[in-house]
PDB file of all heavy atoms in Angstrom:
ATOM      1  N   PHE A   1     113.797 103.226  91.788  1.00  0.00           N
ATOM      2  CA  PHE A   1     115.181 102.844  91.581  1.00  0.00           C
ATOM      3  C   PHE A   1     115.235 101.464  90.947  1.00  0.00           C
ATOM      4  O   PHE A   1     114.263 100.679  91.060  1.00  0.00           O
ATOM      5  CB  PHE A   1     115.943 102.848  92.910  1.00  0.00           C
ATOM      6  CG  PHE A   1     116.118 104.233  93.487  1.00  0.00           C
ATOM      7  CD1 PHE A   1     115.197 104.709  94.426  1.00  0.00           C
ATOM      8  CD2 PHE A   1     117.195 105.039  93.108  1.00  0.00           C
ATOM      9  CE1 PHE A   1     115.345 105.987  94.971  1.00  0.00           C
ATOM     10  CE2 PHE A   1     117.335 106.322  93.637  1.00  0.00           C
ATOM     11  CZ  PHE A   1     116.405 106.791  94.578  1.00  0.00           C
ATOM     12  N   PRO A   2     116.346 101.099  90.302  1.00  0.00           N
ATOM     13  CA  PRO A   2     116.437  99.773  89.648  1.00  0.00           C
ATOM     14  C   PRO A   2     116.081  98.600  90.579  1.00  0.00           C
ATOM     15  O   PRO A   2     115.419  97.653  90.131  1.00  0.00           O
ATOM     16  CB  PRO A   2     117.910  99.727  89.212  1.00  0.00           C
ATOM     17  CG  PRO A   2     118.239 101.144  88.888  1.00  0.00           C
ATOM     18  CD  PRO A   2     117.514 101.925  89.954  1.00  0.00           C
ATOM     19  N   ALA A   3     116.476  98.688  91.838  1.00  0.00           N
ATOM     20  CA  ALA A   3     116.192  97.596  92.770  1.00  0.00           C
ATOM     21  C   ALA A   3     114.705  97.439  93.033  1.00  0.00           C
ATOM     22  O   ALA A   3     114.253  96.389  93.509  1.00  0.00           O
ATOM     23  CB  ALA A   3     116.940  97.824  94.094  1.00  0.00           C
ATOM     24  N   GLN A   4     113.936  98.467  92.741  1.00  0.00           N
ATOM     25  CA  GLN A   4     112.476  98.427  92.928  1.00  0.00           C
ATOM     26  C   GLN A   4     111.743  97.974  91.658  1.00  0.00           C
ATOM     27  O   GLN A   4     110.518  97.921  91.657  1.00  0.00           O
ATOM     28  CB  GLN A   4     111.977  99.819  93.356  1.00  0.00           C
ATOM     29  CG  GLN A   4     112.553 100.310  94.681  1.00  0.00           C
ATOM     30  CD  GLN A   4     112.185 101.749  94.960  1.00  0.00           C
ATOM     31  OE1 GLN A   4     112.388 102.647  94.104  1.00  0.00           O
ATOM     32  NE2 GLN A   4     111.619 101.992  96.135  1.00  0.00           N
ATOM     33  N   LEU A   5     112.484  97.656  90.620  1.00  0.00           N
ATOM     34  CA  LEU A   5     111.902  97.248  89.345  1.00  0.00           C
ATOM     35  C   LEU A   5     112.230  95.779  89.027  1.00  0.00           C
ATOM     36  O   LEU A   5     113.282  95.289  89.410  1.00  0.00           O
ATOM     37  CB  LEU A   5     112.447  98.129  88.217  1.00  0.00           C
ATOM     38  CG  LEU A   5     112.216  99.646  88.357  1.00  0.00           C
ATOM     39  CD1 LEU A   5     112.968 100.391  87.251  1.00  0.00           C
ATOM     40  CD2 LEU A   5     110.722  99.981  88.295  1.00  0.00           C
ATOM     41  N   SER A   6     111.348  95.138  88.332  1.00  0.00           N
ATOM     42  CA  SER A   6     111.605  93.761  87.880  1.00  0.00           C
ATOM     43  C   SER A   6     112.639  93.788  86.749  1.00  0.00           C
ATOM     44  O   SER A   6     112.966  94.842  86.206  1.00  0.00           O
ATOM     45  CB  SER A   6     110.302  93.141  87.372  1.00  0.00           C
ATOM     46  OG  SER A   6     109.880  93.752  86.168  1.00  0.00           O
ATOM     47  N   GLY A   7     113.127  92.588  86.386  1.00  0.00           N
ATOM     48  CA  GLY A   7     114.111  92.518  85.295  1.00  0.00           C
ATOM     49  C   GLY A   7     113.559  93.065  83.992  1.00  0.00           C
ATOM     50  O   GLY A   7     114.245  93.799  83.282  1.00  0.00           O
ATOM     51  N   GLY A   8     112.307  92.748  83.707  1.00  0.00           N
ATOM     52  CA  GLY A   8     111.682  93.263  82.474  1.00  0.00           C
ATOM     53  C   GLY A   8     111.520  94.762  82.511  1.00  0.00           C
ATOM     54  O   GLY A   8     111.720  95.443  81.491  1.00  0.00           O
ATOM     55  N   GLU A   9     111.180  95.294  83.672  1.00  0.00           N
ATOM     56  CA  GLU A   9     111.032  96.753  83.807  1.00  0.00           C
ATOM     57  C   GLU A   9     112.405  97.444  83.667  1.00  0.00           C
ATOM     58  O   GLU A   9     112.490  98.506  83.057  1.00  0.00           O
ATOM     59  CB  GLU A   9     110.401  97.088  85.144  1.00  0.00           C
ATOM     60  CG  GLU A   9     108.924  96.743  85.209  1.00  0.00           C
ATOM     61  CD  GLU A   9     108.310  96.876  86.580  1.00  0.00           C
ATOM     62  OE1 GLU A   9     109.079  96.776  87.602  1.00  0.00           O
ATOM     63  OE2 GLU A   9     107.098  97.106  86.694  1.00  0.00           O
ATOM     64  N   GLN A  10     113.444  96.834  84.223  1.00  0.00           N
ATOM     65  CA  GLN A  10     114.768  97.427  84.084  1.00  0.00           C
ATOM     66  C   GLN A  10     115.202  97.414  82.607  1.00  0.00           C
ATOM     67  O   GLN A  10     115.803  98.391  82.130  1.00  0.00           O
ATOM     68  CB  GLN A  10     115.775  96.636  84.917  1.00  0.00           C
ATOM     69  CG  GLN A  10     115.596  96.841  86.416  1.00  0.00           C
ATOM     70  CD  GLN A  10     116.673  96.135  87.201  1.00  0.00           C
ATOM     71  OE1 GLN A  10     117.860  96.419  87.065  1.00  0.00           O
ATOM     72  NE2 GLN A  10     116.270  95.181  88.067  1.00  0.00           N
ATOM     73  N   GLN A  11     114.863  96.376  81.885  1.00  0.00           N
ATOM     74  CA  GLN A  11     115.219  96.342  80.468  1.00  0.00           C
ATOM     75  C   GLN A  11     114.424  97.389  79.695  1.00  0.00           C
ATOM     76  O   GLN A  11     114.931  98.029  78.753  1.00  0.00           O
ATOM     77  CB  GLN A  11     114.987  94.954  79.866  1.00  0.00           C
ATOM     78  CG  GLN A  11     115.488  94.767  78.456  1.00  0.00           C
ATOM     79  CD  GLN A  11     116.987  94.930  78.314  1.00  0.00           C
ATOM     80  OE1 GLN A  11     117.520  96.040  78.548  1.00  0.00           O
ATOM     81  NE2 GLN A  11     117.669  93.872  77.950  1.00  0.00           N
ATOM     82  N   ARG A  12     113.193  97.648  80.096  1.00  0.00           N
ATOM     83  CA  ARG A  12     112.410  98.684  79.443  1.00  0.00           C
ATOM     84  C   ARG A  12     112.989 100.085  79.745  1.00  0.00           C
ATOM     85  O   ARG A  12     112.921 100.969  78.917  1.00  0.00           O
ATOM     86  CB  ARG A  12     110.948  98.588  79.860  1.00  0.00           C
ATOM     87  CG  ARG A  12     110.184  97.478  79.110  1.00  0.00           C
ATOM     88  CD  ARG A  12     108.712  97.554  79.354  1.00  0.00           C
ATOM     89  NE  ARG A  12     108.301  96.930  80.605  1.00  0.00           N
ATOM     90  CZ  ARG A  12     107.165  97.176  81.233  1.00  0.00           C
ATOM     91  NH1 ARG A  12     106.325  98.069  80.761  1.00  0.00           N
ATOM     92  NH2 ARG A  12     106.870  96.549  82.335  1.00  0.00           N
ATOM     93  N   VAL A  13     113.551 100.252  80.939  1.00  0.00           N
ATOM     94  CA  VAL A  13     114.235 101.528  81.243  1.00  0.00           C
ATOM     95  C   VAL A  13     115.445 101.673  80.286  1.00  0.00           C
ATOM     96  O   VAL A  13     115.711 102.746  79.766  1.00  0.00           O
ATOM     97  CB  VAL A  13     114.716 101.577  82.697  1.00  0.00           C
ATOM     98  CG1 VAL A  13     115.592 102.819  82.919  1.00  0.00           C
ATOM     99  CG2 VAL A  13     113.512 101.587  83.650  1.00  0.00           C
ATOM    100  N   ALA A  14     116.162 100.551  80.055  1.00  0.00           N
ATOM    101  CA  ALA A  14     117.302 100.594  79.156  1.00  0.00           C
ATOM    102  C   ALA A  14     116.856 100.931  77.738  1.00  0.00           C
ATOM    103  O   ALA A  14     117.546 101.666  77.024  1.00  0.00           O
ATOM    104  CB  ALA A  14     118.022  99.226  79.164  1.00  0.00           C
ATOM    105  N   ILE A  15     115.689 100.436  77.319  1.00  0.00           N
ATOM    106  CA  ILE A  15     115.158 100.781  75.996  1.00  0.00           C
ATOM    107  C   ILE A  15     114.795 102.268  75.968  1.00  0.00           C
ATOM    108  O   ILE A  15     115.091 102.988  75.014  1.00  0.00           O
ATOM    109  CB  ILE A  15     113.939  99.896  75.659  1.00  0.00           C
ATOM    110  CG1 ILE A  15     114.392  98.447  75.519  1.00  0.00           C
ATOM    111  CG2 ILE A  15     113.269 100.382  74.377  1.00  0.00           C
ATOM    112  CD1 ILE A  15     113.232  97.459  75.434  1.00  0.00           C
ATOM    113  N   ALA A  16     114.102 102.741  77.023  1.00  0.00           N
ATOM    114  CA  ALA A  16     113.739 104.140  77.101  1.00  0.00           C
ATOM    115  C   ALA A  16     114.973 105.037  77.037  1.00  0.00           C
ATOM    116  O   ALA A  16     114.973 106.080  76.357  1.00  0.00           O
ATOM    117  CB  ALA A  16     112.978 104.422  78.403  1.00  0.00           C
ATOM    118  N   ARG A  17     116.049 104.627  77.691  1.00  0.00           N
ATOM    119  CA  ARG A  17     117.287 105.379  77.673  1.00  0.00           C
ATOM    120  C   ARG A  17     117.849 105.444  76.233  1.00  0.00           C
ATOM    121  O   ARG A  17     118.336 106.503  75.803  1.00  0.00           O
ATOM    122  CB  ARG A  17     118.302 104.733  78.614  1.00  0.00           C
ATOM    123  CG  ARG A  17     119.660 105.416  78.699  1.00  0.00           C
ATOM    124  CD  ARG A  17     120.566 104.665  79.671  1.00  0.00           C
ATOM    125  NE  ARG A  17     120.707 103.263  79.284  1.00  0.00           N
ATOM    126  CZ  ARG A  17     121.198 102.329  80.090  1.00  0.00           C
ATOM    127  NH1 ARG A  17     121.599 102.649  81.313  1.00  0.00           N
ATOM    128  NH2 ARG A  17     121.330 101.081  79.681  1.00  0.00           N
ATOM    129  N   ALA A  18     117.760 104.341  75.533  1.00  0.00           N
ATOM    130  CA  ALA A  18     118.280 104.296  74.159  1.00  0.00           C
ATOM    131  C   ALA A  18     117.437 105.153  73.193  1.00  0.00           C
ATOM    132  O   ALA A  18     117.978 105.882  72.366  1.00  0.00           O
ATOM    133  CB  ALA A  18     118.351 102.867  73.659  1.00  0.00           C
ATOM    134  N   VAL A  19     116.113 105.057  73.311  1.00  0.00           N
ATOM    135  CA  VAL A  19     115.256 105.769  72.352  1.00  0.00           C
ATOM    136  C   VAL A  19     115.095 107.246  72.703  1.00  0.00           C
ATOM    137  O   VAL A  19     114.726 108.045  71.827  1.00  0.00           O
ATOM    138  CB  VAL A  19     113.872 105.106  72.239  1.00  0.00           C
ATOM    139  CG1 VAL A  19     114.011 103.654  71.837  1.00  0.00           C
ATOM    140  CG2 VAL A  19     113.061 105.241  73.514  1.00  0.00           C
ATOM    141  N   ALA A  20     115.424 107.641  73.918  1.00  0.00           N
ATOM    142  CA  ALA A  20     115.330 109.052  74.322  1.00  0.00           C
ATOM    143  C   ALA A  20     116.261 109.930  73.490  1.00  0.00           C
ATOM    144  O   ALA A  20     116.045 111.126  73.372  1.00  0.00           O
ATOM    145  CB  ALA A  20     115.602 109.236  75.800  1.00  0.00           C
ATOM    146  N   LYS A  21     117.286 109.344  72.915  1.00  0.00           N
ATOM    147  CA  LYS A  21     118.212 110.085  72.060  1.00  0.00           C
ATOM    148  C   LYS A  21     117.622 110.377  70.684  1.00  0.00           C
ATOM    149  O   LYS A  21     118.204 111.110  69.902  1.00  0.00           O
ATOM    150  CB  LYS A  21     119.497 109.248  71.847  1.00  0.00           C
ATOM    151  CG  LYS A  21     120.318 109.019  73.091  1.00  0.00           C
ATOM    152  CD  LYS A  21     121.383 107.977  72.835  1.00  0.00           C
ATOM    153  CE  LYS A  21     122.341 108.399  71.717  1.00  0.00           C
ATOM    154  NZ  LYS A  21     123.432 107.410  71.549  1.00  0.00           N
ATOM    155  N   ARG A  22     116.448 109.798  70.394  1.00  0.00           N
ATOM    156  CA  ARG A  22     115.866 109.826  69.052  1.00  0.00           C
ATOM    157  C   ARG A  22     116.876 109.329  68.025  1.00  0.00           C
ATOM    158  O   ARG A  22     117.172 109.995  67.028  1.00  0.00           O
ATOM    159  CB  ARG A  22     115.390 111.237  68.680  1.00  0.00           C
ATOM    160  CG  ARG A  22     114.394 111.853  69.635  1.00  0.00           C
ATOM    161  CD  ARG A  22     113.881 113.187  69.094  1.00  0.00           C
ATOM    162  NE  ARG A  22     113.178 113.974  70.090  1.00  0.00           N
ATOM    163  CZ  ARG A  22     111.885 113.882  70.376  1.00  0.00           C
ATOM    164  NH1 ARG A  22     111.141 112.990  69.733  1.00  0.00           N
ATOM    165  NH2 ARG A  22     111.316 114.646  71.278  1.00  0.00           N
ATOM    166  N   PRO A  23     117.414 108.107  68.220  1.00  0.00           N
ATOM    167  CA  PRO A  23     118.458 107.626  67.329  1.00  0.00           C
ATOM    168  C   PRO A  23     117.892 107.223  65.961  1.00  0.00           C
ATOM    169  O   PRO A  23     116.722 106.846  65.840  1.00  0.00           O
ATOM    170  CB  PRO A  23     119.001 106.394  68.062  1.00  0.00           C
ATOM    171  CG  PRO A  23     117.817 105.885  68.802  1.00  0.00           C
ATOM    172  CD  PRO A  23     117.053 107.121  69.243  1.00  0.00           C
ATOM    173  N   ASP A  24     118.743 107.281  64.955  1.00  0.00           N
ATOM    174  CA  ASP A  24     118.372 106.761  63.649  1.00  0.00           C
ATOM    175  C   ASP A  24     118.456 105.231  63.617  1.00  0.00           C
ATOM    176  O   ASP A  24     117.767 104.573  62.846  1.00  0.00           O
ATOM    177  CB  ASP A  24     119.316 107.331  62.568  1.00  0.00           C
ATOM    178  CG  ASP A  24     119.256 108.835  62.526  1.00  0.00           C
ATOM    179  OD1 ASP A  24     118.142 109.394  62.549  1.00  0.00           O
ATOM    180  OD2 ASP A  24     120.327 109.478  62.505  1.00  0.00           O
ATOM    181  N   LEU A  25     119.351 104.703  64.460  1.00  0.00           N
ATOM    182  CA  LEU A  25     119.616 103.271  64.495  1.00  0.00           C
ATOM    183  C   LEU A  25     119.513 102.800  65.941  1.00  0.00           C
ATOM    184  O   LEU A  25     120.095 103.408  66.842  1.00  0.00           O
ATOM    185  CB  LEU A  25     121.026 102.984  63.965  1.00  0.00           C
ATOM    186  CG  LEU A  25     121.312 103.407  62.528  1.00  0.00           C
ATOM    187  CD1 LEU A  25     122.807 103.588  62.311  1.00  0.00           C
ATOM    188  CD2 LEU A  25     120.745 102.366  61.552  1.00  0.00           C
ATOM    189  N   LEU A  26     118.811 101.684  66.152  1.00  0.00           N
ATOM    190  CA  LEU A  26     118.697 101.076  67.470  1.00  0.00           C
ATOM    191  C   LEU A  26     119.197  99.643  67.376  1.00  0.00           C
ATOM    192  O   LEU A  26     118.625  98.821  66.662  1.00  0.00           O
ATOM    193  CB  LEU A  26     117.253 101.097  67.956  1.00  0.00           C
ATOM    194  CG  LEU A  26     116.953 100.479  69.334  1.00  0.00           C
ATOM    195  CD1 LEU A  26     117.722 101.224  70.418  1.00  0.00           C
ATOM    196  CD2 LEU A  26     115.475 100.504  69.617  1.00  0.00           C
ATOM    197  N   PHE A  27     120.296  99.335  68.078  1.00  0.00           N
ATOM    198  CA  PHE A  27     120.921  98.022  68.038  1.00  0.00           C
ATOM    199  C   PHE A  27     120.716  97.327  69.372  1.00  0.00           C
ATOM    200  O   PHE A  27     121.086  97.833  70.429  1.00  0.00           O
ATOM    201  CB  PHE A  27     122.431  98.169  67.755  1.00  0.00           C
ATOM    202  CG  PHE A  27     122.745  98.701  66.391  1.00  0.00           C
ATOM    203  CD1 PHE A  27     123.759  99.606  66.215  1.00  0.00           C
ATOM    204  CD2 PHE A  27     122.035  98.258  65.279  1.00  0.00           C
ATOM    205  CE1 PHE A  27     124.072 100.084  64.942  1.00  0.00           C
ATOM    206  CE2 PHE A  27     122.324  98.730  64.007  1.00  0.00           C
ATOM    207  CZ  PHE A  27     123.343  99.641  63.821  1.00  0.00           C
ATOM    208  N   CYS A  28     120.113  96.121  69.299  1.00  0.00           N
ATOM    209  CA  CYS A  28     119.740  95.374  70.503  1.00  0.00           C
ATOM    210  C   CYS A  28     120.422  94.017  70.480  1.00  0.00           C
ATOM    211  O   CYS A  28     120.118  93.179  69.615  1.00  0.00           O
ATOM    212  CB  CYS A  28     118.231  95.203  70.570  1.00  0.00           C
ATOM    213  SG  CYS A  28     117.276  96.732  70.352  1.00  0.00           S
ATOM    214  N   ASP A  29     121.306  93.766  71.406  1.00  0.00           N
ATOM    215  CA  ASP A  29     122.086  92.504  71.480  1.00  0.00           C
ATOM    216  C   ASP A  29     121.506  91.604  72.548  1.00  0.00           C
ATOM    217  O   ASP A  29     121.721  91.844  73.741  1.00  0.00           O
ATOM    218  CB  ASP A  29     123.544  92.839  71.748  1.00  0.00           C
ATOM    219  CG  ASP A  29     124.463  91.625  71.501  1.00  0.00           C
ATOM    220  OD1 ASP A  29     123.927  90.516  71.350  1.00  0.00           O
ATOM    221  OD2 ASP A  29     125.682  91.817  71.446  1.00  0.00           O
ATOM    222  N   GLU A  30     120.780  90.589  72.137  1.00  0.00           N
ATOM    223  CA  GLU A  30     120.123  89.632  73.039  1.00  0.00           C
ATOM    224  C   GLU A  30     119.360  90.335  74.154  1.00  0.00           C
ATOM    225  O   GLU A  30     119.576  90.067  75.346  1.00  0.00           O
ATOM    226  CB  GLU A  30     121.165  88.657  73.649  1.00  0.00           C
ATOM    227  CG  GLU A  30     121.901  87.789  72.643  1.00  0.00           C
ATOM    228  CD  GLU A  30     121.061  86.608  72.196  1.00  0.00           C
ATOM    229  OE1 GLU A  30     119.866  86.506  72.574  1.00  0.00           O
ATOM    230  OE2 GLU A  30     121.607  85.754  71.443  1.00  0.00           O
ATOM    231  N   PRO A  31     118.433  91.228  73.805  1.00  0.00           N
ATOM    232  CA  PRO A  31     117.752  92.025  74.853  1.00  0.00           C
ATOM    233  C   PRO A  31     116.852  91.218  75.777  1.00  0.00           C
ATOM    234  O   PRO A  31     116.503  91.692  76.833  1.00  0.00           O
ATOM    235  CB  PRO A  31     116.923  93.016  74.021  1.00  0.00           C
ATOM    236  CG  PRO A  31     116.671  92.299  72.743  1.00  0.00           C
ATOM    237  CD  PRO A  31     117.951  91.542  72.464  1.00  0.00           C
ATOM    238  N   THR A  32     116.511  89.996  75.379  1.00  0.00           N
ATOM    239  CA  THR A  32     115.669  89.152  76.253  1.00  0.00           C
ATOM    240  C   THR A  32     116.424  87.977  76.845  1.00  0.00           C
ATOM    241  O   THR A  32     115.841  87.085  77.447  1.00  0.00           O
ATOM    242  CB  THR A  32     114.451  88.615  75.450  1.00  0.00           C
ATOM    243  OG1 THR A  32     114.920  87.736  74.404  1.00  0.00           O
ATOM    244  CG2 THR A  32     113.648  89.747  74.835  1.00  0.00           C
ATOM    245  N   GLY A  33     117.747  87.965  76.667  1.00  0.00           N
ATOM    246  CA  GLY A  33     118.558  86.807  77.073  1.00  0.00           C
ATOM    247  C   GLY A  33     118.485  86.474  78.554  1.00  0.00           C
ATOM    248  O   GLY A  33     118.624  85.321  78.934  1.00  0.00           O
ATOM    249  N   ALA A  34     118.254  87.495  79.384  1.00  0.00           N
ATOM    250  CA  ALA A  34     118.242  87.265  80.841  1.00  0.00           C
ATOM    251  C   ALA A  34     116.810  87.198  81.383  1.00  0.00           C
ATOM    252  O   ALA A  34     116.632  87.196  82.602  1.00  0.00           O
ATOM    253  CB  ALA A  34     119.025  88.378  81.549  1.00  0.00           C
ATOM    254  N   LEU A  35     115.815  87.119  80.507  1.00  0.00           N
ATOM    255  CA  LEU A  35     114.436  87.206  80.933  1.00  0.00           C
ATOM    256  C   LEU A  35     113.669  85.922  80.642  1.00  0.00           C
ATOM    257  O   LEU A  35     114.021  85.152  79.748  1.00  0.00           O
ATOM    258  CB  LEU A  35     113.737  88.356  80.193  1.00  0.00           C
ATOM    259  CG  LEU A  35     114.389  89.732  80.305  1.00  0.00           C
ATOM    260  CD1 LEU A  35     113.700  90.727  79.380  1.00  0.00           C
ATOM    261  CD2 LEU A  35     114.369  90.230  81.742  1.00  0.00           C
ATOM    262  N   ASP A  36     112.629  85.663  81.444  1.00  0.00           N
ATOM    263  CA  ASP A  36     111.754  84.524  81.163  1.00  0.00           C
ATOM    264  C   ASP A  36     110.915  84.839  79.904  1.00  0.00           C
ATOM    265  O   ASP A  36     110.880  85.963  79.407  1.00  0.00           O
ATOM    266  CB  ASP A  36     110.852  84.221  82.362  1.00  0.00           C
ATOM    267  CG  ASP A  36     109.925  85.382  82.689  1.00  0.00           C
ATOM    268  OD1 ASP A  36     108.947  85.570  81.954  1.00  0.00           O
ATOM    269  OD2 ASP A  36     110.158  86.072  83.701  1.00  0.00           O
ATOM    270  N   VAL A  37     110.215  83.792  79.417  1.00  0.00           N
ATOM    271  CA  VAL A  37     109.534  83.902  78.123  1.00  0.00           C
ATOM    272  C   VAL A  37     108.495  85.035  78.115  1.00  0.00           C
ATOM    273  O   VAL A  37     108.476  85.881  77.212  1.00  0.00           O
ATOM    274  CB  VAL A  37     108.871  82.577  77.757  1.00  0.00           C
ATOM    275  CG1 VAL A  37     107.931  82.736  76.554  1.00  0.00           C
ATOM    276  CG2 VAL A  37     109.910  81.539  77.454  1.00  0.00           C
ATOM    277  N   GLU A  38     107.647  85.087  79.128  1.00  0.00           N
ATOM    278  CA  GLU A  38     106.570  86.083  79.123  1.00  0.00           C
ATOM    279  C   GLU A  38     107.117  87.510  79.267  1.00  0.00           C
ATOM    280  O   GLU A  38     106.653  88.424  78.615  1.00  0.00           O
ATOM    281  CB  GLU A  38     105.567  85.783  80.227  1.00  0.00           C
ATOM    282  CG  GLU A  38     104.692  84.576  79.948  1.00  0.00           C
ATOM    283  CD  GLU A  38     104.036  84.643  78.571  1.00  0.00           C
ATOM    284  OE1 GLU A  38     103.450  85.712  78.243  1.00  0.00           O
ATOM    285  OE2 GLU A  38     104.118  83.673  77.803  1.00  0.00           O
ATOM    286  N   THR A  39     108.131  87.664  80.115  1.00  0.00           N
ATOM    287  CA  THR A  39     108.745  89.004  80.255  1.00  0.00           C
ATOM    288  C   THR A  39     109.475  89.377  78.955  1.00  0.00           C
ATOM    289  O   THR A  39     109.429  90.544  78.519  1.00  0.00           O
ATOM    290  CB  THR A  39     109.723  89.013  81.429  1.00  0.00           C
ATOM    291  OG1 THR A  39     109.063  88.594  82.603  1.00  0.00           O
ATOM    292  CG2 THR A  39     110.304  90.382  81.640  1.00  0.00           C
ATOM    293  N   GLY A  40     110.092  88.379  78.329  1.00  0.00           N
ATOM    294  CA  GLY A  40     110.752  88.629  77.037  1.00  0.00           C
ATOM    295  C   GLY A  40     109.791  89.080  75.988  1.00  0.00           C
ATOM    296  O   GLY A  40     110.093  89.981  75.200  1.00  0.00           O
ATOM    297  N   ARG A  41     108.588  88.511  75.955  1.00  0.00           N
ATOM    298  CA  ARG A  41     107.571  88.942  75.011  1.00  0.00           C
ATOM    299  C   ARG A  41     107.249  90.421  75.196  1.00  0.00           C
ATOM    300  O   ARG A  41     107.098  91.175  74.231  1.00  0.00           O
ATOM    301  CB  ARG A  41     106.282  88.158  75.224  1.00  0.00           C
ATOM    302  CG  ARG A  41     106.267  86.729  74.703  1.00  0.00           C
ATOM    303  CD  ARG A  41     104.871  86.166  74.969  1.00  0.00           C
ATOM    304  NE  ARG A  41     104.809  84.728  74.850  1.00  0.00           N
ATOM    305  CZ  ARG A  41     104.542  84.073  73.729  1.00  0.00           C
ATOM    306  NH1 ARG A  41     104.322  84.751  72.629  1.00  0.00           N
ATOM    307  NH2 ARG A  41     104.495  82.752  73.703  1.00  0.00           N
TER     308      ARG A  41
END
């Protein structure tokens, strides 16, 4: 569950959710804004 995941892992779930649609376009608005540097990398 989200509460069992780190912030970076939760953001990766959000990415997985977006790409699971097989979209032609992927738009990311400040996807690392809430993360520390290493997690953002």
